Amino acid sequence: MATSEEFARYIGDQLAAAGAVEIKRLFGEYGVWLEGKFVGCICDDQLFIKNTPAGRAFAPGLRLAPPYEGAGDALLVEDPEDAAFAAELLRHTWAALPAPRRKKPTQKN
């Protein structure tokens, strides 16, 4: 079951308090970026946040589950209604992740 565009927009609204959140189509589902870092995904109308020690420490009660077959475990946010909690989890996760690598400019011949 694919994620609906409406649900993805709803999650984007819920996470907006975290900062510059972007929700983008990604392999038939949606990816979640915060200030340029990939922090999670929305798959099958569920919100998954990258599994980091900081995220687990902030939300030890969240269950770990793979967002799709073959993926590693991520934190499953089963109650995205709590926007303040979800946004704070995103901030903790963002802080624990390395800065994104800069892409090398392509050279035209």
PDB file of N, CA and C in Angstrom:
ATOM      1  N   MET A   1       0.853  -1.182   0.000  1.00  0.00           N
ATOM      2  CA  MET A   1       0.000   0.000   0.000  1.00  0.00           C
ATOM      3  C   MET A   1       0.893   1.238   0.000  1.00  0.00           C
ATOM      4  N   ALA A   2       0.738   2.063  -0.978  1.00  0.00           N
ATOM      5  CA  ALA A   2       1.547   3.277  -1.088  1.00  0.00           C
ATOM      6  C   ALA A   2       0.990   4.378  -0.185  1.00  0.00           C
ATOM      7  N   THR A   3       1.849   5.266   0.187  1.00  0.00           N
ATOM      8  CA  THR A   3       1.460   6.403   1.017  1.00  0.00           C
ATOM      9  C   THR A   3       0.689   7.409   0.177  1.00  0.00           C
ATOM     10  N   SER A   4      -0.374   7.928   0.733  1.00  0.00           N
ATOM     11  CA  SER A   4      -1.151   8.943   0.025  1.00  0.00           C
ATOM     12  C   SER A   4      -0.443  10.297   0.126  1.00  0.00           C
ATOM     13  N   GLU A   5      -0.611  11.097  -0.912  1.00  0.00           N
ATOM     14  CA  GLU A   5      -0.024  12.438  -0.911  1.00  0.00           C
ATOM     15  C   GLU A   5      -0.587  13.264   0.246  1.00  0.00           C
ATOM     16  N   GLU A   6      -1.854  13.060   0.545  1.00  0.00           N
ATOM     17  CA  GLU A   6      -2.503  13.780   1.649  1.00  0.00           C
ATOM     18  C   GLU A   6      -1.829  13.452   2.985  1.00  0.00           C
ATOM     19  N   PHE A   7      -1.509  12.173   3.219  1.00  0.00           N
ATOM     20  CA  PHE A   7      -0.848  11.786   4.466  1.00  0.00           C
ATOM     21  C   PHE A   7       0.560  12.385   4.536  1.00  0.00           C
ATOM     22  N   ALA A   8       1.267  12.376   3.409  1.00  0.00           N
ATOM     23  CA  ALA A   8       2.616  12.957   3.381  1.00  0.00           C
ATOM     24  C   ALA A   8       2.571  14.446   3.721  1.00  0.00           C
ATOM     25  N   ARG A   9       1.588  15.171   3.176  1.00  0.00           N
ATOM     26  CA  ARG A   9       1.445  16.600   3.512  1.00  0.00           C
ATOM     27  C   ARG A   9       1.126  16.775   4.993  1.00  0.00           C
ATOM     28  N   TYR A  10       0.263  15.918   5.523  1.00  0.00           N
ATOM     29  CA  TYR A  10      -0.094  15.966   6.947  1.00  0.00           C
ATOM     30  C   TYR A  10       1.163  15.793   7.813  1.00  0.00           C
ATOM     31  N   ILE A  11       1.999  14.809   7.479  1.00  0.00           N
ATOM     32  CA  ILE A  11       3.225  14.584   8.244  1.00  0.00           C
ATOM     33  C   ILE A  11       4.141  15.798   8.127  1.00  0.00           C
ATOM     34  N   GLY A  12       4.243  16.378   6.939  1.00  0.00           N
ATOM     35  CA  GLY A  12       5.045  17.587   6.764  1.00  0.00           C
ATOM     36  C   GLY A  12       4.573  18.707   7.671  1.00  0.00           C
ATOM     37  N   ASP A  13       3.265  18.867   7.788  1.00  0.00           N
ATOM     38  CA  ASP A  13       2.698  19.887   8.679  1.00  0.00           C
ATOM     39  C   ASP A  13       3.022  19.569  10.139  1.00  0.00           C
ATOM     40  N   GLN A  14       2.928  18.290  10.505  1.00  0.00           N
ATOM     41  CA  GLN A  14       3.205  17.890  11.885  1.00  0.00           C
ATOM     42  C   GLN A  14       4.664  18.136  12.261  1.00  0.00           C
ATOM     43  N   LEU A  15       5.559  17.993  11.308  1.00  0.00           N
ATOM     44  CA  LEU A  15       6.994  18.113  11.593  1.00  0.00           C
ATOM     45  C   LEU A  15       7.532  19.525  11.397  1.00  0.00           C
ATOM     46  N   ALA A  16       6.712  20.443  10.939  1.00  0.00           N
ATOM     47  CA  ALA A  16       7.165  21.792  10.585  1.00  0.00           C
ATOM     48  C   ALA A  16       7.852  22.521  11.742  1.00  0.00           C
ATOM     49  N   ALA A  17       7.474  22.235  12.966  1.00  0.00           N
ATOM     50  CA  ALA A  17       8.086  22.910  14.113  1.00  0.00           C
ATOM     51  C   ALA A  17       9.561  22.540  14.289  1.00  0.00           C
ATOM     52  N   ALA A  18      10.019  21.475  13.643  1.00  0.00           N
ATOM     53  CA  ALA A  18      11.412  21.053  13.766  1.00  0.00           C
ATOM     54  C   ALA A  18      12.356  21.985  13.022  1.00  0.00           C
ATOM     55  N   GLY A  19      11.855  22.668  12.007  1.00  0.00           N
ATOM     56  CA  GLY A  19      12.698  23.545  11.201  1.00  0.00           C
ATOM     57  C   GLY A  19      12.351  23.404   9.733  1.00  0.00           C
ATOM     58  N   ALA A  20      13.357  23.494   8.881  1.00  0.00           N
ATOM     59  CA  ALA A  20      13.154  23.434   7.425  1.00  0.00           C
ATOM     60  C   ALA A  20      12.969  21.983   6.989  1.00  0.00           C
ATOM     61  N   VAL A  21      11.735  21.492   7.097  1.00  0.00           N
ATOM     62  CA  VAL A  21      11.402  20.114   6.739  1.00  0.00           C
ATOM     63  C   VAL A  21      10.966  20.068   5.278  1.00  0.00           C
ATOM     64  N   GLU A  22      11.488  19.080   4.556  1.00  0.00           N
ATOM     65  CA  GLU A  22      11.064  18.849   3.183  1.00  0.00           C
ATOM     66  C   GLU A  22      10.593  17.408   3.060  1.00  0.00           C
ATOM     67  N   ILE A  23       9.461  17.220   2.419  1.00  0.00           N
ATOM     68  CA  ILE A  23       8.927  15.904   2.133  1.00  0.00           C
ATOM     69  C   ILE A  23       8.977  15.753   0.617  1.00  0.00           C
ATOM     70  N   LYS A  24       9.704  14.733   0.132  1.00  0.00           N
ATOM     71  CA  LYS A  24       9.862  14.546  -1.312  1.00  0.00           C
ATOM     72  C   LYS A  24       9.549  13.107  -1.692  1.00  0.00           C
ATOM     73  N   ARG A  25       8.994  12.941  -2.898  1.00  0.00           N
ATOM     74  CA  ARG A  25       8.757  11.602  -3.427  1.00  0.00           C
ATOM     75  C   ARG A  25      10.088  10.868  -3.509  1.00  0.00           C
ATOM     76  N   LEU A  26      10.065   9.594  -3.130  1.00  0.00           N
ATOM     77  CA  LEU A  26      11.289   8.804  -3.106  1.00  0.00           C
ATOM     78  C   LEU A  26      10.931   7.339  -3.337  1.00  0.00           C
ATOM     79  N   PHE A  27      11.247   6.825  -4.505  1.00  0.00           N
ATOM     80  CA  PHE A  27      11.018   5.417  -4.829  1.00  0.00           C
ATOM     81  C   PHE A  27       9.579   4.973  -4.562  1.00  0.00           C
ATOM     82  N   GLY A  28       8.623   5.783  -4.941  1.00  0.00           N
ATOM     83  CA  GLY A  28       7.216   5.431  -4.772  1.00  0.00           C
ATOM     84  C   GLY A  28       6.641   5.786  -3.411  1.00  0.00           C
ATOM     85  N   GLU A  29       7.466   6.181  -2.488  1.00  0.00           N
ATOM     86  CA  GLU A  29       7.015   6.623  -1.165  1.00  0.00           C
ATOM     87  C   GLU A  29       7.534   8.042  -0.966  1.00  0.00           C
ATOM     88  N   TYR A  30       7.837   8.429   0.268  1.00  0.00           N
ATOM     89  CA  TYR A  30       8.292   9.784   0.542  1.00  0.00           C
ATOM     90  C   TYR A  30       9.491   9.771   1.482  1.00  0.00           C
ATOM     91  N   GLY A  31      10.444  10.658   1.224  1.00  0.00           N
ATOM     92  CA  GLY A  31      11.576  10.858   2.113  1.00  0.00           C
ATOM     93  C   GLY A  31      11.358  12.116   2.934  1.00  0.00           C
ATOM     94  N   VAL A  32      11.972  12.162   4.108  1.00  0.00           N
ATOM     95  CA  VAL A  32      11.866  13.314   5.005  1.00  0.00           C
ATOM     96  C   VAL A  32      13.269  13.875   5.224  1.00  0.00           C
ATOM     97  N   TRP A  33      13.437  15.156   4.904  1.00  0.00           N
ATOM     98  CA  TRP A  33      14.707  15.851   5.109  1.00  0.00           C
ATOM     99  C   TRP A  33      14.496  16.994   6.088  1.00  0.00           C
ATOM    100  N   LEU A  34      15.458  17.199   6.952  1.00  0.00           N
ATOM    101  CA  LEU A  34      15.458  18.351   7.857  1.00  0.00           C
ATOM    102  C   LEU A  34      16.756  19.099   7.619  1.00  0.00           C
ATOM    103  N   GLU A  35      16.642  20.333   7.207  1.00  0.00           N
ATOM    104  CA  GLU A  35      17.796  21.196   6.948  1.00  0.00           C
ATOM    105  C   GLU A  35      18.877  20.477   6.143  1.00  0.00           C
ATOM    106  N   GLY A  36      18.458  19.809   5.089  1.00  0.00           N
ATOM    107  CA  GLY A  36      19.376  19.174   4.164  1.00  0.00           C
ATOM    108  C   GLY A  36      19.822  17.763   4.509  1.00  0.00           C
ATOM    109  N   LYS A  37      19.460  17.262   5.675  1.00  0.00           N
ATOM    110  CA  LYS A  37      19.838  15.896   6.058  1.00  0.00           C
ATOM    111  C   LYS A  37      18.627  14.974   5.934  1.00  0.00           C
ATOM    112  N   PHE A  38      18.850  13.793   5.364  1.00  0.00           N
ATOM    113  CA  PHE A  38      17.800  12.787   5.274  1.00  0.00           C
ATOM    114  C   PHE A  38      17.605  12.192   6.659  1.00  0.00           C
ATOM    115  N   VAL A  39      16.410  12.357   7.226  1.00  0.00           N
ATOM    116  CA  VAL A  39      16.173  11.915   8.603  1.00  0.00           C
ATOM    117  C   VAL A  39      15.135  10.806   8.725  1.00  0.00           C
ATOM    118  N   GLY A  40      14.429  10.503   7.648  1.00  0.00           N
ATOM    119  CA  GLY A  40      13.430   9.450   7.748  1.00  0.00           C
ATOM    120  C   GLY A  40      12.642   9.294   6.474  1.00  0.00           C
ATOM    121  N   CYS A  41      11.588   8.505   6.580  1.00  0.00           N
ATOM    122  CA  CYS A  41      10.732   8.291   5.418  1.00  0.00           C
ATOM    123  C   CYS A  41       9.300   8.018   5.865  1.00  0.00           C
ATOM    124  N   ILE A  42       8.427   8.152   4.902  1.00  0.00           N
ATOM    125  CA  ILE A  42       7.017   7.860   5.111  1.00  0.00           C
ATOM    126  C   ILE A  42       6.697   6.723   4.156  1.00  0.00           C
ATOM    127  N   CYS A  43       6.367   5.565   4.695  1.00  0.00           N
ATOM    128  CA  CYS A  43       6.068   4.382   3.893  1.00  0.00           C
ATOM    129  C   CYS A  43       4.780   3.748   4.408  1.00  0.00           C
ATOM    130  N   ASP A  44       3.914   3.383   3.485  1.00  0.00           N
ATOM    131  CA  ASP A  44       2.642   2.742   3.842  1.00  0.00           C
ATOM    132  C   ASP A  44       1.869   3.544   4.894  1.00  0.00           C
ATOM    133  N   ASP A  45       1.834   4.853   4.713  1.00  0.00           N
ATOM    134  CA  ASP A  45       1.133   5.765   5.632  1.00  0.00           C
ATOM    135  C   ASP A  45       1.627   5.643   7.074  1.00  0.00           C
ATOM    136  N   GLN A  46       2.946   5.435   7.231  1.00  0.00           N
ATOM    137  CA  GLN A  46       3.570   5.399   8.542  1.00  0.00           C
ATOM    138  C   GLN A  46       4.841   6.232   8.494  1.00  0.00           C
ATOM    139  N   LEU A  47       5.170   6.866   9.621  1.00  0.00           N
ATOM    140  CA  LEU A  47       6.368   7.700   9.724  1.00  0.00           C
ATOM    141  C   LEU A  47       7.489   6.912  10.386  1.00  0.00           C
ATOM    142  N   PHE A  48       8.619   6.826   9.676  1.00  0.00           N
ATOM    143  CA  PHE A  48       9.810   6.156  10.181  1.00  0.00           C
ATOM    144  C   PHE A  48      10.939   7.181  10.270  1.00  0.00           C
ATOM    145  N   ILE A  49      11.621   7.215  11.397  1.00  0.00           N
ATOM    146  CA  ILE A  49      12.738   8.129  11.606  1.00  0.00           C
ATOM    147  C   ILE A  49      14.004   7.288  11.745  1.00  0.00           C
ATOM    148  N   LYS A  50      15.105   7.772  11.162  1.00  0.00           N
ATOM    149  CA  LYS A  50      16.368   7.032  11.225  1.00  0.00           C
ATOM    150  C   LYS A  50      16.685   6.628  12.662  1.00  0.00           C
ATOM    151  N   ASN A  51      17.226   5.436  12.787  1.00  0.00           N
ATOM    152  CA  ASN A  51      17.578   4.870  14.081  1.00  0.00           C
ATOM    153  C   ASN A  51      18.947   5.408  14.504  1.00  0.00           C
ATOM    154  N   THR A  52      18.961   6.319  15.461  1.00  0.00           N
ATOM    155  CA  THR A  52      20.210   6.861  16.006  1.00  0.00           C
ATOM    156  C   THR A  52      20.196   6.698  17.527  1.00  0.00           C
ATOM    157  N   PRO A  53      21.374   6.652  18.149  1.00  0.00           N
ATOM    158  CA  PRO A  53      21.401   6.582  19.614  1.00  0.00           C
ATOM    159  C   PRO A  53      20.660   7.764  20.253  1.00  0.00           C
ATOM    160  N   ALA A  54      20.791   8.950  19.673  1.00  0.00           N
ATOM    161  CA  ALA A  54      20.111  10.128  20.229  1.00  0.00           C
ATOM    162  C   ALA A  54      18.598   9.987  20.130  1.00  0.00           C
ATOM    163  N   GLY A  55      18.112   9.478  19.030  1.00  0.00           N
ATOM    164  CA  GLY A  55      16.680   9.275  18.857  1.00  0.00           C
ATOM    165  C   GLY A  55      16.136   8.226  19.816  1.00  0.00           C
ATOM    166  N   ARG A  56      16.879   7.127  19.963  1.00  0.00           N
ATOM    167  CA  ARG A  56      16.448   6.076  20.899  1.00  0.00           C
ATOM    168  C   ARG A  56      16.469   6.579  22.336  1.00  0.00           C
ATOM    169  N   ALA A  57      17.457   7.409  22.689  1.00  0.00           N
ATOM    170  CA  ALA A  57      17.533   7.951  24.052  1.00  0.00           C
ATOM    171  C   ALA A  57      16.369   8.900  24.313  1.00  0.00           C
ATOM    172  N   PHE A  58      16.010   9.693  23.313  1.00  0.00           N
ATOM    173  CA  PHE A  58      14.901  10.627  23.477  1.00  0.00           C
ATOM    174  C   PHE A  58      13.560   9.905  23.545  1.00  0.00           C
ATOM    175  N   ALA A  59      13.414   8.842  22.754  1.00  0.00           N
ATOM    176  CA  ALA A  59      12.132   8.138  22.663  1.00  0.00           C
ATOM    177  C   ALA A  59      12.337   6.630  22.833  1.00  0.00           C
ATOM    178  N   PRO A  60      12.695   6.192  24.042  1.00  0.00           N
ATOM    179  CA  PRO A  60      12.991   4.769  24.237  1.00  0.00           C
ATOM    180  C   PRO A  60      11.772   3.861  24.046  1.00  0.00           C
ATOM    181  N   GLY A  61      10.586   4.403  24.091  1.00  0.00           N
ATOM    182  CA  GLY A  61       9.379   3.593  23.944  1.00  0.00           C
ATOM    183  C   GLY A  61       8.988   3.298  22.505  1.00  0.00           C
ATOM    184  N   LEU A  62       9.646   3.952  21.543  1.00  0.00           N
ATOM    185  CA  LEU A  62       9.289   3.706  20.145  1.00  0.00           C
ATOM    186  C   LEU A  62       9.819   2.352  19.700  1.00  0.00           C
ATOM    187  N   ARG A  63       9.013   1.699  18.898  1.00  0.00           N
ATOM    188  CA  ARG A  63       9.385   0.384  18.399  1.00  0.00           C
ATOM    189  C   ARG A  63      10.239   0.537  17.147  1.00  0.00           C
ATOM    190  N   LEU A  64      11.163  -0.380  16.961  1.00  0.00           N
ATOM    191  CA  LEU A  64      11.994  -0.417  15.762  1.00  0.00           C
ATOM    192  C   LEU A  64      11.337  -1.337  14.742  1.00  0.00           C
ATOM    193  N   ALA A  65      11.294  -0.890  13.493  1.00  0.00           N
ATOM    194  CA  ALA A  65      10.698  -1.682  12.415  1.00  0.00           C
ATOM    195  C   ALA A  65      11.293  -1.213  11.090  1.00  0.00           C
ATOM    196  N   PRO A  66      11.408  -2.106  10.126  1.00  0.00           N
ATOM    197  CA  PRO A  66      11.896  -1.680   8.811  1.00  0.00           C
ATOM    198  C   PRO A  66      10.786  -0.969   8.040  1.00  0.00           C
ATOM    199  N   PRO A  67      11.096   0.146   7.388  1.00  0.00           N
ATOM    200  CA  PRO A  67      10.064   0.867   6.640  1.00  0.00           C
ATOM    201  C   PRO A  67       9.607   0.125   5.379  1.00  0.00           C
ATOM    202  N   TYR A  68      10.475  -0.728   4.839  1.00  0.00           N
ATOM    203  CA  TYR A  68      10.130  -1.520   3.661  1.00  0.00           C
ATOM    204  C   TYR A  68      11.004  -2.768   3.671  1.00  0.00           C
ATOM    205  N   GLU A  69      10.640  -3.743   2.894  1.00  0.00           N
ATOM    206  CA  GLU A  69      11.354  -5.008   2.855  1.00  0.00           C
ATOM    207  C   GLU A  69      12.819  -4.793   2.467  1.00  0.00           C
ATOM    208  N   GLY A  70      13.706  -5.359   3.251  1.00  0.00           N
ATOM    209  CA  GLY A  70      15.133  -5.251   2.981  1.00  0.00           C
ATOM    210  C   GLY A  70      15.810  -4.062   3.647  1.00  0.00           C
ATOM    211  N   ALA A  71      15.054  -3.194   4.257  1.00  0.00           N
ATOM    212  CA  ALA A  71      15.616  -2.005   4.920  1.00  0.00           C
ATOM    213  C   ALA A  71      16.015  -2.338   6.351  1.00  0.00           C
ATOM    214  N   GLY A  72      16.922  -1.544   6.878  1.00  0.00           N
ATOM    215  CA  GLY A  72      17.283  -1.668   8.285  1.00  0.00           C
ATOM    216  C   GLY A  72      16.170  -1.089   9.152  1.00  0.00           C
ATOM    217  N   ASP A  73      16.238  -1.372  10.436  1.00  0.00           N
ATOM    218  CA  ASP A  73      15.217  -0.871  11.351  1.00  0.00           C
ATOM    219  C   ASP A  73      15.290   0.637  11.512  1.00  0.00           C
ATOM    220  N   ALA A  74      14.132   1.236  11.666  1.00  0.00           N
ATOM    221  CA  ALA A  74      13.986   2.667  11.927  1.00  0.00           C
ATOM    222  C   ALA A  74      13.004   2.825  13.082  1.00  0.00           C
ATOM    223  N   LEU A  75      12.985   4.013  13.674  1.00  0.00           N
ATOM    224  CA  LEU A  75      12.026   4.293  14.744  1.00  0.00           C
ATOM    225  C   LEU A  75      10.651   4.544  14.120  1.00  0.00           C
ATOM    226  N   LEU A  76       9.678   3.759  14.514  1.00  0.00           N
ATOM    227  CA  LEU A  76       8.327   3.895  13.988  1.00  0.00           C
ATOM    228  C   LEU A  76       7.536   4.829  14.902  1.00  0.00           C
ATOM    229  N   VAL A  77       7.133   5.968  14.362  1.00  0.00           N
ATOM    230  CA  VAL A  77       6.338   6.941  15.126  1.00  0.00           C
ATOM    231  C   VAL A  77       4.872   6.579  14.901  1.00  0.00           C
ATOM    232  N   GLU A  78       4.303   5.868  15.855  1.00  0.00           N
ATOM    233  CA  GLU A  78       2.933   5.373  15.703  1.00  0.00           C
ATOM    234  C   GLU A  78       1.886   6.441  16.013  1.00  0.00           C
ATOM    235  N   ASP A  79       2.297   7.528  16.661  1.00  0.00           N
ATOM    236  CA  ASP A  79       1.359   8.598  16.995  1.00  0.00           C
ATOM    237  C   ASP A  79       1.864   9.934  16.454  1.00  0.00           C
ATOM    238  N   PRO A  80       1.745  10.161  15.137  1.00  0.00           N
ATOM    239  CA  PRO A  80       2.210  11.439  14.593  1.00  0.00           C
ATOM    240  C   PRO A  80       1.320  12.614  14.987  1.00  0.00           C
ATOM    241  N   GLU A  81       0.212  12.343  15.690  1.00  0.00           N
ATOM    242  CA  GLU A  81      -0.670  13.412  16.178  1.00  0.00           C
ATOM    243  C   GLU A  81       0.068  14.327  17.154  1.00  0.00           C
ATOM    244  N   ASP A  82       1.017  13.774  17.892  1.00  0.00           N
ATOM    245  CA  ASP A  82       1.788  14.555  18.863  1.00  0.00           C
ATOM    246  C   ASP A  82       2.907  15.279  18.108  1.00  0.00           C
ATOM    247  N   ALA A  83       2.559  16.408  17.514  1.00  0.00           N
ATOM    248  CA  ALA A  83       3.480  17.148  16.650  1.00  0.00           C
ATOM    249  C   ALA A  83       4.725  17.609  17.398  1.00  0.00           C
ATOM    250  N   ALA A  84       4.579  18.046  18.637  1.00  0.00           N
ATOM    251  CA  ALA A  84       5.733  18.530  19.403  1.00  0.00           C
ATOM    252  C   ALA A  84       6.728  17.394  19.638  1.00  0.00           C
ATOM    253  N   PHE A  85       6.229  16.218  19.980  1.00  0.00           N
ATOM    254  CA  PHE A  85       7.100  15.061  20.191  1.00  0.00           C
ATOM    255  C   PHE A  85       7.809  14.675  18.901  1.00  0.00           C
ATOM    256  N   ALA A  86       7.068  14.582  17.799  1.00  0.00           N
ATOM    257  CA  ALA A  86       7.652  14.178  16.514  1.00  0.00           C
ATOM    258  C   ALA A  86       8.711  15.180  16.056  1.00  0.00           C
ATOM    259  N   ALA A  87       8.446  16.461  16.219  1.00  0.00           N
ATOM    260  CA  ALA A  87       9.407  17.492  15.823  1.00  0.00           C
ATOM    261  C   ALA A  87      10.670  17.420  16.679  1.00  0.00           C
ATOM    262  N   GLU A  88      10.514  17.199  17.966  1.00  0.00           N
ATOM    263  CA  GLU A  88      11.679  17.095  18.850  1.00  0.00           C
ATOM    264  C   GLU A  88      12.498  15.847  18.519  1.00  0.00           C
ATOM    265  N   LEU A  89      11.841  14.749  18.211  1.00  0.00           N
ATOM    266  CA  LEU A  89      12.548  13.533  17.795  1.00  0.00           C
ATOM    267  C   LEU A  89      13.353  13.807  16.531  1.00  0.00           C
ATOM    268  N   LEU A  90      12.771  14.531  15.597  1.00  0.00           N
ATOM    269  CA  LEU A  90      13.479  14.887  14.369  1.00  0.00           C
ATOM    270  C   LEU A  90      14.722  15.713  14.679  1.00  0.00           C
ATOM    271  N   ARG A  91      14.613  16.682  15.582  1.00  0.00           N
ATOM    272  CA  ARG A  91      15.764  17.523  15.941  1.00  0.00           C
ATOM    273  C   ARG A  91      16.888  16.698  16.581  1.00  0.00           C
ATOM    274  N   HIS A  92      16.531  15.769  17.476  1.00  0.00           N
ATOM    275  CA  HIS A  92      17.542  14.908  18.108  1.00  0.00           C
ATOM    276  C   HIS A  92      18.226  14.035  17.058  1.00  0.00           C
ATOM    277  N   THR A  93      17.440  13.483  16.147  1.00  0.00           N
ATOM    278  CA  THR A  93      17.995  12.633  15.095  1.00  0.00           C
ATOM    279  C   THR A  93      18.895  13.446  14.185  1.00  0.00           C
ATOM    280  N   TRP A  94      18.435  14.619  13.784  1.00  0.00           N
ATOM    281  CA  TRP A  94      19.214  15.504  12.903  1.00  0.00           C
ATOM    282  C   TRP A  94      20.578  15.805  13.522  1.00  0.00           C
ATOM    283  N   ALA A  95      20.595  16.113  14.805  1.00  0.00           N
ATOM    284  CA  ALA A  95      21.842  16.469  15.487  1.00  0.00           C
ATOM    285  C   ALA A  95      22.830  15.299  15.519  1.00  0.00           C
ATOM    286  N   ALA A  96      22.324  14.076  15.498  1.00  0.00           N
ATOM    287  CA  ALA A  96      23.182  12.896  15.582  1.00  0.00           C
ATOM    288  C   ALA A  96      23.736  12.465  14.226  1.00  0.00           C
ATOM    289  N   LEU A  97      23.206  13.007  13.151  1.00  0.00           N
ATOM    290  CA  LEU A  97      23.620  12.594  11.809  1.00  0.00           C
ATOM    291  C   LEU A  97      24.742  13.484  11.278  1.00  0.00           C
ATOM    292  N   PRO A  98      25.638  12.914  10.477  1.00  0.00           N
ATOM    293  CA  PRO A  98      26.702  13.730   9.879  1.00  0.00           C
ATOM    294  C   PRO A  98      26.133  14.678   8.829  1.00  0.00           C
ATOM    295  N   ALA A  99      26.876  15.708   8.547  1.00  0.00           N
ATOM    296  CA  ALA A  99      26.463  16.650   7.498  1.00  0.00           C
ATOM    297  C   ALA A  99      26.434  15.910   6.162  1.00  0.00           C
ATOM    298  N   PRO A 100      25.521  16.275   5.286  1.00  0.00           N
ATOM    299  CA  PRO A 100      25.488  15.613   3.978  1.00  0.00           C
ATOM    300  C   PRO A 100      26.750  15.921   3.191  1.00  0.00           C
ATOM    301  N   ARG A 101      27.173  14.952   2.405  1.00  0.00           N
ATOM    302  CA  ARG A 101      28.361  15.162   1.572  1.00  0.00           C
ATOM    303  C   ARG A 101      28.032  16.134   0.465  1.00  0.00           C
ATOM    304  N   ARG A 102      28.990  16.960   0.158  1.00  0.00           N
ATOM    305  CA  ARG A 102      28.808  17.896  -0.958  1.00  0.00           C
ATOM    306  C   ARG A 102      28.977  17.126  -2.262  1.00  0.00           C
ATOM    307  N   LYS A 103      28.114  17.416  -3.188  1.00  0.00           N
ATOM    308  CA  LYS A 103      28.213  16.781  -4.498  1.00  0.00           C
ATOM    309  C   LYS A 103      29.266  17.507  -5.310  1.00  0.00           C
ATOM    310  N   LYS A 104      30.053  16.726  -6.027  1.00  0.00           N
ATOM    311  CA  LYS A 104      31.054  17.325  -6.898  1.00  0.00           C
ATOM    312  C   LYS A 104      30.339  17.894  -8.113  1.00  0.00           C
ATOM    313  N   PRO A 105      30.731  19.086  -8.530  1.00  0.00           N
ATOM    314  CA  PRO A 105      30.087  19.661  -9.715  1.00  0.00           C
ATOM    315  C   PRO A 105      30.432  18.821 -10.948  1.00  0.00           C
ATOM    316  N   THR A 106      29.469  18.656 -11.815  1.00  0.00           N
ATOM    317  CA  THR A 106      29.721  17.906 -13.038  1.00  0.00           C
ATOM    318  C   THR A 106      30.410  18.807 -14.031  1.00  0.00           C
ATOM    319  N   GLN A 107      31.356  18.223 -14.748  1.00  0.00           N
ATOM    320  CA  GLN A 107      32.089  18.991 -15.734  1.00  0.00           C
ATOM    321  C   GLN A 107      31.489  18.737 -17.108  1.00  0.00           C
ATOM    322  N   LYS A 108      31.252  19.790 -17.821  1.00  0.00           N
ATOM    323  CA  LYS A 108      30.732  19.655 -19.177  1.00  0.00           C
ATOM    324  C   LYS A 108      31.908  19.642 -20.139  1.00  0.00           C
ATOM    325  N   ASN A 109      31.850  18.771 -21.094  1.00  0.00           N
ATOM    326  CA  ASN A 109      32.929  18.665 -22.093  1.00  0.00           C
ATOM    327  C   ASN A 109      32.650  19.539 -23.279  1.00  0.00           C
TER     328      ASN A 109
END
